[in-house]
Amino acid sequence: MPNVLIRDVPSDDLEQIRSAATERGMSLQAYLRDAVHAQAAHLRRRAALAQTAERLRGRPGVPEDERRAVLDAVADAHAERADELTDRSTT
């Protein structure tokens, strides 16, 4: 895996990051590696969304009643799954 060196980090910033890592029981390296990974994942998602938006540009939108039906079905599925997990944790 490649290494990264960051120069000229302000001491206040570094101390804040060290404190956050300590609070999570992590080394500074692990904390920063996770932060870099999270940022890369965010950038990949943004790129995928931009690509999808470009692909859909000019196409008609989904009718509101269909959109609402899908969102309601997703909410119902989430609630059902939460109930399953709650039942599982109490047994």
PDB file of N, CA and C in Angstrom:
ATOM      1  N   MET A   1       0.835  -1.167   0.000  1.00  0.00           N
ATOM      2  CA  MET A   1       0.000   0.000   0.000  1.00  0.00           C
ATOM      3  C   MET A   1       0.886   1.239   0.000  1.00  0.00           C
ATOM      4  N   PRO A   2       0.520   2.258  -0.753  1.00  0.00           N
ATOM      5  CA  PRO A   2       1.340   3.475  -0.771  1.00  0.00           C
ATOM      6  C   PRO A   2       1.268   4.226   0.563  1.00  0.00           C
ATOM      7  N   ASN A   3       2.283   5.005   0.805  1.00  0.00           N
ATOM      8  CA  ASN A   3       2.333   5.868   1.990  1.00  0.00           C
ATOM      9  C   ASN A   3       2.082   7.305   1.574  1.00  0.00           C
ATOM     10  N   VAL A   4       1.575   8.101   2.518  1.00  0.00           N
ATOM     11  CA  VAL A   4       1.309   9.513   2.265  1.00  0.00           C
ATOM     12  C   VAL A   4       1.972  10.316   3.376  1.00  0.00           C
ATOM     13  N   LEU A   5       2.622  11.399   3.009  1.00  0.00           N
ATOM     14  CA  LEU A   5       3.238  12.296   3.981  1.00  0.00           C
ATOM     15  C   LEU A   5       2.565  13.655   3.830  1.00  0.00           C
ATOM     16  N   ILE A   6       2.090  14.182   4.928  1.00  0.00           N
ATOM     17  CA  ILE A   6       1.443  15.502   4.898  1.00  0.00           C
ATOM     18  C   ILE A   6       2.317  16.461   5.695  1.00  0.00           C
ATOM     19  N   ARG A   7       2.764  17.511   5.058  1.00  0.00           N
ATOM     20  CA  ARG A   7       3.641  18.488   5.707  1.00  0.00           C
ATOM     21  C   ARG A   7       2.839  19.713   6.131  1.00  0.00           C
ATOM     22  N   ASP A   8       3.389  20.436   7.065  1.00  0.00           N
ATOM     23  CA  ASP A   8       2.880  21.741   7.482  1.00  0.00           C
ATOM     24  C   ASP A   8       1.440  21.700   8.000  1.00  0.00           C
ATOM     25  N   VAL A   9       1.128  20.690   8.791  1.00  0.00           N
ATOM     26  CA  VAL A   9      -0.191  20.612   9.425  1.00  0.00           C
ATOM     27  C   VAL A   9      -0.163  21.526  10.643  1.00  0.00           C
ATOM     28  N   PRO A  10      -1.120  22.442  10.752  1.00  0.00           N
ATOM     29  CA  PRO A  10      -1.144  23.324  11.932  1.00  0.00           C
ATOM     30  C   PRO A  10      -1.266  22.509  13.225  1.00  0.00           C
ATOM     31  N   SER A  11      -0.485  22.899  14.254  1.00  0.00           N
ATOM     32  CA  SER A  11      -0.459  22.128  15.502  1.00  0.00           C
ATOM     33  C   SER A  11      -1.829  22.003  16.144  1.00  0.00           C
ATOM     34  N   ASP A  12      -2.633  23.053  16.099  1.00  0.00           N
ATOM     35  CA  ASP A  12      -3.977  22.977  16.682  1.00  0.00           C
ATOM     36  C   ASP A  12      -4.817  21.916  15.968  1.00  0.00           C
ATOM     37  N   ASP A  13      -4.707  21.870  14.652  1.00  0.00           N
ATOM     38  CA  ASP A  13      -5.457  20.875  13.879  1.00  0.00           C
ATOM     39  C   ASP A  13      -5.001  19.466  14.240  1.00  0.00           C
ATOM     40  N   LEU A  14      -3.703  19.271  14.309  1.00  0.00           N
ATOM     41  CA  LEU A  14      -3.162  17.953  14.619  1.00  0.00           C
ATOM     42  C   LEU A  14      -3.575  17.511  16.019  1.00  0.00           C
ATOM     43  N   GLU A  15      -3.558  18.435  16.966  1.00  0.00           N
ATOM     44  CA  GLU A  15      -3.961  18.097  18.332  1.00  0.00           C
ATOM     45  C   GLU A  15      -5.434  17.701  18.386  1.00  0.00           C
ATOM     46  N   GLN A  16      -6.254  18.404  17.623  1.00  0.00           N
ATOM     47  CA  GLN A  16      -7.686  18.076  17.552  1.00  0.00           C
ATOM     48  C   GLN A  16      -7.882  16.671  16.988  1.00  0.00           C
ATOM     49  N   ILE A  17      -7.144  16.349  15.949  1.00  0.00           N
ATOM     50  CA  ILE A  17      -7.255  15.024  15.322  1.00  0.00           C
ATOM     51  C   ILE A  17      -6.724  13.944  16.257  1.00  0.00           C
ATOM     52  N   ARG A  18      -5.618  14.219  16.933  1.00  0.00           N
ATOM     53  CA  ARG A  18      -5.078  13.253  17.904  1.00  0.00           C
ATOM     54  C   ARG A  18      -6.103  12.971  19.002  1.00  0.00           C
ATOM     55  N   SER A  19      -6.751  14.016  19.478  1.00  0.00           N
ATOM     56  CA  SER A  19      -7.759  13.849  20.532  1.00  0.00           C
ATOM     57  C   SER A  19      -8.916  12.988  20.046  1.00  0.00           C
ATOM     58  N   ALA A  20      -9.368  13.247  18.826  1.00  0.00           N
ATOM     59  CA  ALA A  20     -10.472  12.460  18.267  1.00  0.00           C
ATOM     60  C   ALA A  20     -10.074  10.995  18.132  1.00  0.00           C
ATOM     61  N   ALA A  21      -8.848  10.739  17.701  1.00  0.00           N
ATOM     62  CA  ALA A  21      -8.370   9.363  17.565  1.00  0.00           C
ATOM     63  C   ALA A  21      -8.315   8.684  18.933  1.00  0.00           C
ATOM     64  N   THR A  22      -7.801   9.390  19.917  1.00  0.00           N
ATOM     65  CA  THR A  22      -7.703   8.841  21.269  1.00  0.00           C
ATOM     66  C   THR A  22      -9.083   8.520  21.827  1.00  0.00           C
ATOM     67  N   GLU A  23     -10.036   9.421  21.620  1.00  0.00           N
ATOM     68  CA  GLU A  23     -11.411   9.195  22.100  1.00  0.00           C
ATOM     69  C   GLU A  23     -12.009   7.928  21.509  1.00  0.00           C
ATOM     70  N   ARG A  24     -11.598   7.581  20.291  1.00  0.00           N
ATOM     71  CA  ARG A  24     -12.119   6.384  19.627  1.00  0.00           C
ATOM     72  C   ARG A  24     -11.241   5.155  19.877  1.00  0.00           C
ATOM     73  N   GLY A  25     -10.190   5.351  20.671  1.00  0.00           N
ATOM     74  CA  GLY A  25      -9.289   4.233  20.963  1.00  0.00           C
ATOM     75  C   GLY A  25      -8.477   3.810  19.755  1.00  0.00           C
ATOM     76  N   MET A  26      -8.153   4.765  18.901  1.00  0.00           N
ATOM     77  CA  MET A  26      -7.432   4.468  17.662  1.00  0.00           C
ATOM     78  C   MET A  26      -6.091   5.181  17.662  1.00  0.00           C
ATOM     79  N   SER A  27      -5.174   4.630  16.892  1.00  0.00           N
ATOM     80  CA  SER A  27      -3.925   5.342  16.658  1.00  0.00           C
ATOM     81  C   SER A  27      -4.207   6.480  15.685  1.00  0.00           C
ATOM     82  N   LEU A  28      -3.318   7.453  15.683  1.00  0.00           N
ATOM     83  CA  LEU A  28      -3.452   8.569  14.746  1.00  0.00           C
ATOM     84  C   LEU A  28      -3.442   8.047  13.308  1.00  0.00           C
ATOM     85  N   GLN A  29      -2.559   7.091  13.026  1.00  0.00           N
ATOM     86  CA  GLN A  29      -2.467   6.529  11.679  1.00  0.00           C
ATOM     87  C   GLN A  29      -3.774   5.855  11.270  1.00  0.00           C
ATOM     88  N   ALA A  30      -4.333   5.038  12.154  1.00  0.00           N
ATOM     89  CA  ALA A  30      -5.583   4.340  11.826  1.00  0.00           C
ATOM     90  C   ALA A  30      -6.722   5.334  11.628  1.00  0.00           C
ATOM     91  N   TYR A  31      -6.767   6.349  12.479  1.00  0.00           N
ATOM     92  CA  TYR A  31      -7.816   7.369  12.371  1.00  0.00           C
ATOM     93  C   TYR A  31      -7.732   8.093  11.027  1.00  0.00           C
ATOM     94  N   LEU A  32      -6.529   8.506  10.667  1.00  0.00           N
ATOM     95  CA  LEU A  32      -6.348   9.225   9.397  1.00  0.00           C
ATOM     96  C   LEU A  32      -6.576   8.314   8.197  1.00  0.00           C
ATOM     97  N   ARG A  33      -6.171   7.053   8.301  1.00  0.00           N
ATOM     98  CA  ARG A  33      -6.417   6.102   7.208  1.00  0.00           C
ATOM     99  C   ARG A  33      -7.921   5.948   6.995  1.00  0.00           C
ATOM    100  N   ASP A  34      -8.685   5.829   8.096  1.00  0.00           N
ATOM    101  CA  ASP A  34     -10.144   5.733   7.985  1.00  0.00           C
ATOM    102  C   ASP A  34     -10.735   7.002   7.370  1.00  0.00           C
ATOM    103  N   ALA A  35     -10.199   8.157   7.745  1.00  0.00           N
ATOM    104  CA  ALA A  35     -10.700   9.426   7.202  1.00  0.00           C
ATOM    105  C   ALA A  35     -10.434   9.518   5.697  1.00  0.00           C
ATOM    106  N   VAL A  36      -9.243   9.097   5.283  1.00  0.00           N
ATOM    107  CA  VAL A  36      -8.913   9.111   3.850  1.00  0.00           C
ATOM    108  C   VAL A  36      -9.812   8.130   3.101  1.00  0.00           C
ATOM    109  N   HIS A  37     -10.023   6.950   3.672  1.00  0.00           N
ATOM    110  CA  HIS A  37     -10.894   5.952   3.041  1.00  0.00           C
ATOM    111  C   HIS A  37     -12.330   6.489   2.910  1.00  0.00           C
ATOM    112  N   ALA A  38     -12.839   7.119   3.970  1.00  0.00           N
ATOM    113  CA  ALA A  38     -14.198   7.675   3.934  1.00  0.00           C
ATOM    114  C   ALA A  38     -14.309   8.769   2.870  1.00  0.00           C
ATOM    115  N   GLN A  39     -13.292   9.607   2.750  1.00  0.00           N
ATOM    116  CA  GLN A  39     -13.316  10.663   1.738  1.00  0.00           C
ATOM    117  C   GLN A  39     -13.290  10.070   0.335  1.00  0.00           C
ATOM    118  N   ALA A  40     -12.482   9.043   0.115  1.00  0.00           N
ATOM    119  CA  ALA A  40     -12.428   8.390  -1.198  1.00  0.00           C
ATOM    120  C   ALA A  40     -13.769   7.749  -1.540  1.00  0.00           C
ATOM    121  N   ALA A  41     -14.410   7.105  -0.554  1.00  0.00           N
ATOM    122  CA  ALA A  41     -15.728   6.505  -0.781  1.00  0.00           C
ATOM    123  C   ALA A  41     -16.748   7.582  -1.132  1.00  0.00           C
ATOM    124  N   HIS A  42     -16.681   8.706  -0.437  1.00  0.00           N
ATOM    125  CA  HIS A  42     -17.579   9.837  -0.729  1.00  0.00           C
ATOM    126  C   HIS A  42     -17.380  10.325  -2.164  1.00  0.00           C
ATOM    127  N   LEU A  43     -16.141  10.467  -2.579  1.00  0.00           N
ATOM    128  CA  LEU A  43     -15.856  10.932  -3.941  1.00  0.00           C
ATOM    129  C   LEU A  43     -16.341   9.926  -4.991  1.00  0.00           C
ATOM    130  N   ARG A  44     -16.193   8.622  -4.699  1.00  0.00           N
ATOM    131  CA  ARG A  44     -16.692   7.611  -5.638  1.00  0.00           C
ATOM    132  C   ARG A  44     -18.214   7.697  -5.766  1.00  0.00           C
ATOM    133  N   ARG A  45     -18.904   7.880  -4.629  1.00  0.00           N
ATOM    134  CA  ARG A  45     -20.370   7.996  -4.682  1.00  0.00           C
ATOM    135  C   ARG A  45     -20.791   9.236  -5.458  1.00  0.00           C
ATOM    136  N   ARG A  46     -20.103  10.350  -5.224  1.00  0.00           N
ATOM    137  CA  ARG A  46     -20.437  11.580  -5.967  1.00  0.00           C
ATOM    138  C   ARG A  46     -20.242  11.391  -7.465  1.00  0.00           C
ATOM    139  N   ALA A  47     -19.165  10.717  -7.841  1.00  0.00           N
ATOM    140  CA  ALA A  47     -18.906  10.464  -9.263  1.00  0.00           C
ATOM    141  C   ALA A  47     -19.990   9.567  -9.851  1.00  0.00           C
ATOM    142  N   ALA A  48     -20.398   8.536  -9.115  1.00  0.00           N
ATOM    143  CA  ALA A  48     -21.448   7.631  -9.598  1.00  0.00           C
ATOM    144  C   ALA A  48     -22.770   8.380  -9.742  1.00  0.00           C
ATOM    145  N   LEU A  49     -23.083   9.250  -8.788  1.00  0.00           N
ATOM    146  CA  LEU A  49     -24.320  10.040  -8.883  1.00  0.00           C
ATOM    147  C   LEU A  49     -24.278  11.002 -10.073  1.00  0.00           C
ATOM    148  N   ALA A  50     -23.132  11.619 -10.299  1.00  0.00           N
ATOM    149  CA  ALA A  50     -22.997  12.529 -11.435  1.00  0.00           C
ATOM    150  C   ALA A  50     -23.148  11.769 -12.753  1.00  0.00           C
ATOM    151  N   GLN A  51     -22.572  10.575 -12.808  1.00  0.00           N
ATOM    152  CA  GLN A  51     -22.678   9.754 -14.014  1.00  0.00           C
ATOM    153  C   GLN A  51     -24.137   9.349 -14.247  1.00  0.00           C
ATOM    154  N   THR A  52     -24.831   8.974 -13.191  1.00  0.00           N
ATOM    155  CA  THR A  52     -26.242   8.595 -13.311  1.00  0.00           C
ATOM    156  C   THR A  52     -27.083   9.792 -13.728  1.00  0.00           C
ATOM    157  N   ALA A  53     -26.835  10.952 -13.132  1.00  0.00           N
ATOM    158  CA  ALA A  53     -27.579  12.165 -13.489  1.00  0.00           C
ATOM    159  C   ALA A  53     -27.382  12.501 -14.967  1.00  0.00           C
ATOM    160  N   GLU A  54     -26.163  12.342 -15.443  1.00  0.00           N
ATOM    161  CA  GLU A  54     -25.876  12.618 -16.859  1.00  0.00           C
ATOM    162  C   GLU A  54     -26.632  11.642 -17.756  1.00  0.00           C
ATOM    163  N   ARG A  55     -26.633  10.364 -17.364  1.00  0.00           N
ATOM    164  CA  ARG A  55     -27.336   9.343 -18.142  1.00  0.00           C
ATOM    165  C   ARG A  55     -28.833   9.613 -18.201  1.00  0.00           C
ATOM    166  N   LEU A  56     -29.383  10.146 -17.119  1.00  0.00           N
ATOM    167  CA  LEU A  56     -30.830  10.374 -17.052  1.00  0.00           C
ATOM    168  C   LEU A  56     -31.260  11.745 -17.561  1.00  0.00           C
ATOM    169  N   ARG A  57     -30.298  12.612 -17.831  1.00  0.00           N
ATOM    170  CA  ARG A  57     -30.619  13.968 -18.283  1.00  0.00           C
ATOM    171  C   ARG A  57     -31.506  13.914 -19.535  1.00  0.00           C
ATOM    172  N   GLY A  58     -32.593  14.675 -19.493  1.00  0.00           N
ATOM    173  CA  GLY A  58     -33.493  14.745 -20.632  1.00  0.00           C
ATOM    174  C   GLY A  58     -34.600  13.709 -20.611  1.00  0.00           C
ATOM    175  N   ARG A  59     -34.525  12.755 -19.706  1.00  0.00           N
ATOM    176  CA  ARG A  59     -35.599  11.750 -19.604  1.00  0.00           C
ATOM    177  C   ARG A  59     -36.689  12.278 -18.686  1.00  0.00           C
ATOM    178  N   PRO A  60     -37.908  11.808 -18.902  1.00  0.00           N
ATOM    179  CA  PRO A  60     -38.991  12.284 -18.033  1.00  0.00           C
ATOM    180  C   PRO A  60     -38.815  11.765 -16.604  1.00  0.00           C
ATOM    181  N   GLY A  61     -39.295  12.551 -15.634  1.00  0.00           N
ATOM    182  CA  GLY A  61     -39.204  12.160 -14.235  1.00  0.00           C
ATOM    183  C   GLY A  61     -40.239  11.091 -13.895  1.00  0.00           C
ATOM    184  N   VAL A  62     -40.079  10.501 -12.738  1.00  0.00           N
ATOM    185  CA  VAL A  62     -41.026   9.504 -12.253  1.00  0.00           C
ATOM    186  C   VAL A  62     -42.250  10.253 -11.716  1.00  0.00           C
ATOM    187  N   PRO A  63     -43.440   9.792 -12.059  1.00  0.00           N
ATOM    188  CA  PRO A  63     -44.636  10.450 -11.526  1.00  0.00           C
ATOM    189  C   PRO A  63     -44.641  10.425  -9.989  1.00  0.00           C
ATOM    190  N   GLU A  64     -45.169  11.471  -9.386  1.00  0.00           N
ATOM    191  CA  GLU A  64     -45.130  11.625  -7.933  1.00  0.00           C
ATOM    192  C   GLU A  64     -45.783  10.457  -7.192  1.00  0.00           C
ATOM    193  N   ASP A  65     -46.904   9.941  -7.700  1.00  0.00           N
ATOM    194  CA  ASP A  65     -47.570   8.838  -7.001  1.00  0.00           C
ATOM    195  C   ASP A  65     -46.699   7.573  -7.001  1.00  0.00           C
ATOM    196  N   GLU A  66     -45.978   7.315  -8.097  1.00  0.00           N
ATOM    197  CA  GLU A  66     -45.072   6.158  -8.145  1.00  0.00           C
ATOM    198  C   GLU A  66     -43.875   6.372  -7.227  1.00  0.00           C
ATOM    199  N   ARG A  67     -43.356   7.596  -7.232  1.00  0.00           N
ATOM    200  CA  ARG A  67     -42.223   7.929  -6.365  1.00  0.00           C
ATOM    201  C   ARG A  67     -42.612   7.732  -4.910  1.00  0.00           C
ATOM    202  N   ARG A  68     -43.761   8.226  -4.522  1.00  0.00           N
ATOM    203  CA  ARG A  68     -44.243   8.108  -3.145  1.00  0.00           C
ATOM    204  C   ARG A  68     -44.453   6.635  -2.771  1.00  0.00           C
ATOM    205  N   ALA A  69     -44.995   5.835  -3.696  1.00  0.00           N
ATOM    206  CA  ALA A  69     -45.227   4.414  -3.424  1.00  0.00           C
ATOM    207  C   ALA A  69     -43.908   3.687  -3.148  1.00  0.00           C
ATOM    208  N   VAL A  70     -42.880   4.003  -3.905  1.00  0.00           N
ATOM    209  CA  VAL A  70     -41.573   3.370  -3.704  1.00  0.00           C
ATOM    210  C   VAL A  70     -40.986   3.799  -2.360  1.00  0.00           C
ATOM    211  N   LEU A  71     -41.044   5.086  -2.057  1.00  0.00           N
ATOM    212  CA  LEU A  71     -40.496   5.567  -0.792  1.00  0.00           C
ATOM    213  C   LEU A  71     -41.248   4.972   0.401  1.00  0.00           C
ATOM    214  N   ASP A  72     -42.569   4.831   0.273  1.00  0.00           N
ATOM    215  CA  ASP A  72     -43.353   4.203   1.343  1.00  0.00           C
ATOM    216  C   ASP A  72     -42.970   2.736   1.521  1.00  0.00           C
ATOM    217  N   ALA A  73     -42.761   2.031   0.410  1.00  0.00           N
ATOM    218  CA  ALA A  73     -42.367   0.622   0.483  1.00  0.00           C
ATOM    219  C   ALA A  73     -41.002   0.471   1.148  1.00  0.00           C
ATOM    220  N   VAL A  74     -40.078   1.373   0.850  1.00  0.00           N
ATOM    221  CA  VAL A  74     -38.753   1.334   1.469  1.00  0.00           C
ATOM    222  C   VAL A  74     -38.877   1.603   2.969  1.00  0.00           C
ATOM    223  N   ALA A  75     -39.676   2.599   3.338  1.00  0.00           N
ATOM    224  CA  ALA A  75     -39.871   2.914   4.760  1.00  0.00           C
ATOM    225  C   ALA A  75     -40.500   1.731   5.499  1.00  0.00           C
ATOM    226  N   ASP A  76     -41.475   1.089   4.872  1.00  0.00           N
ATOM    227  CA  ASP A  76     -42.110  -0.086   5.488  1.00  0.00           C
ATOM    228  C   ASP A  76     -41.105  -1.222   5.673  1.00  0.00           C
ATOM    229  N   ALA A  77     -40.265  -1.434   4.669  1.00  0.00           N
ATOM    230  CA  ALA A  77     -39.252  -2.500   4.760  1.00  0.00           C
ATOM    231  C   ALA A  77     -38.248  -2.200   5.871  1.00  0.00           C
ATOM    232  N   HIS A  78     -37.860  -0.934   6.010  1.00  0.00           N
ATOM    233  CA  HIS A  78     -36.937  -0.560   7.081  1.00  0.00           C
ATOM    234  C   HIS A  78     -37.577  -0.786   8.446  1.00  0.00           C
ATOM    235  N   ALA A  79     -38.834  -0.397   8.590  1.00  0.00           N
ATOM    236  CA  ALA A  79     -39.540  -0.583   9.860  1.00  0.00           C
ATOM    237  C   ALA A  79     -39.665  -2.071  10.188  1.00  0.00           C
ATOM    238  N   GLU A  80     -39.991  -2.876   9.177  1.00  0.00           N
ATOM    239  CA  GLU A  80     -40.113  -4.322   9.379  1.00  0.00           C
ATOM    240  C   GLU A  80     -38.779  -4.923   9.809  1.00  0.00           C
ATOM    241  N   ARG A  81     -37.709  -4.497   9.173  1.00  0.00           N
ATOM    242  CA  ARG A  81     -36.378  -5.014   9.524  1.00  0.00           C
ATOM    243  C   ARG A  81     -35.991  -4.574  10.929  1.00  0.00           C
ATOM    244  N   ALA A  82     -36.311  -3.347  11.294  1.00  0.00           N
ATOM    245  CA  ALA A  82     -36.013  -2.868  12.651  1.00  0.00           C
ATOM    246  C   ALA A  82     -36.771  -3.692  13.680  1.00  0.00           C
ATOM    247  N   ASP A  83     -38.034  -4.021  13.381  1.00  0.00           N
ATOM    248  CA  ASP A  83     -38.816  -4.863  14.285  1.00  0.00           C
ATOM    249  C   ASP A  83     -38.181  -6.250  14.422  1.00  0.00           C
ATOM    250  N   GLU A  84     -37.724  -6.817  13.305  1.00  0.00           N
ATOM    251  CA  GLU A  84     -37.074  -8.135  13.343  1.00  0.00           C
ATOM    252  C   GLU A  84     -35.818  -8.092  14.218  1.00  0.00           C
ATOM    253  N   LEU A  85     -35.031  -7.052  14.049  1.00  0.00           N
ATOM    254  CA  LEU A  85     -33.792  -6.937  14.822  1.00  0.00           C
ATOM    255  C   LEU A  85     -34.098  -6.732  16.299  1.00  0.00           C
ATOM    256  N   THR A  86     -35.131  -5.964  16.593  1.00  0.00           N
ATOM    257  CA  THR A  86     -35.523  -5.738  17.990  1.00  0.00           C
ATOM    258  C   THR A  86     -36.004  -7.038  18.611  1.00  0.00           C
ATOM    259  N   ASP A  87     -36.835  -7.787  17.878  1.00  0.00           N
ATOM    260  CA  ASP A  87     -37.320  -9.079  18.391  1.00  0.00           C
ATOM    261  C   ASP A  87     -36.161 -10.034  18.637  1.00  0.00           C
ATOM    262  N   ARG A  88     -35.200 -10.049  17.744  1.00  0.00           N
ATOM    263  CA  ARG A  88     -34.050 -10.958  17.842  1.00  0.00           C
ATOM    264  C   ARG A  88     -33.194 -10.616  19.066  1.00  0.00           C
ATOM    265  N   SER A  89     -33.061  -9.316  19.370  1.00  0.00           N
ATOM    266  CA  SER A  89     -32.205  -8.917  20.475  1.00  0.00           C
ATOM    267  C   SER A  89     -32.856  -9.146  21.829  1.00  0.00           C
ATOM    268  N   THR A  90     -34.190  -9.313  21.877  1.00  0.00           N
ATOM    269  CA  THR A  90     -34.867  -9.533  23.159  1.00  0.00           C
ATOM    270  C   THR A  90     -35.060 -11.009  23.474  1.00  0.00           C
ATOM    271  N   THR A  91     -34.706 -11.894  22.537  1.00  0.00           N
ATOM    272  CA  THR A  91     -34.867 -13.327  22.789  1.00  0.00           C
ATOM    273  C   THR A  91     -33.577 -13.966  23.225  1.00  0.00           C
TER     274      THR A  91
END
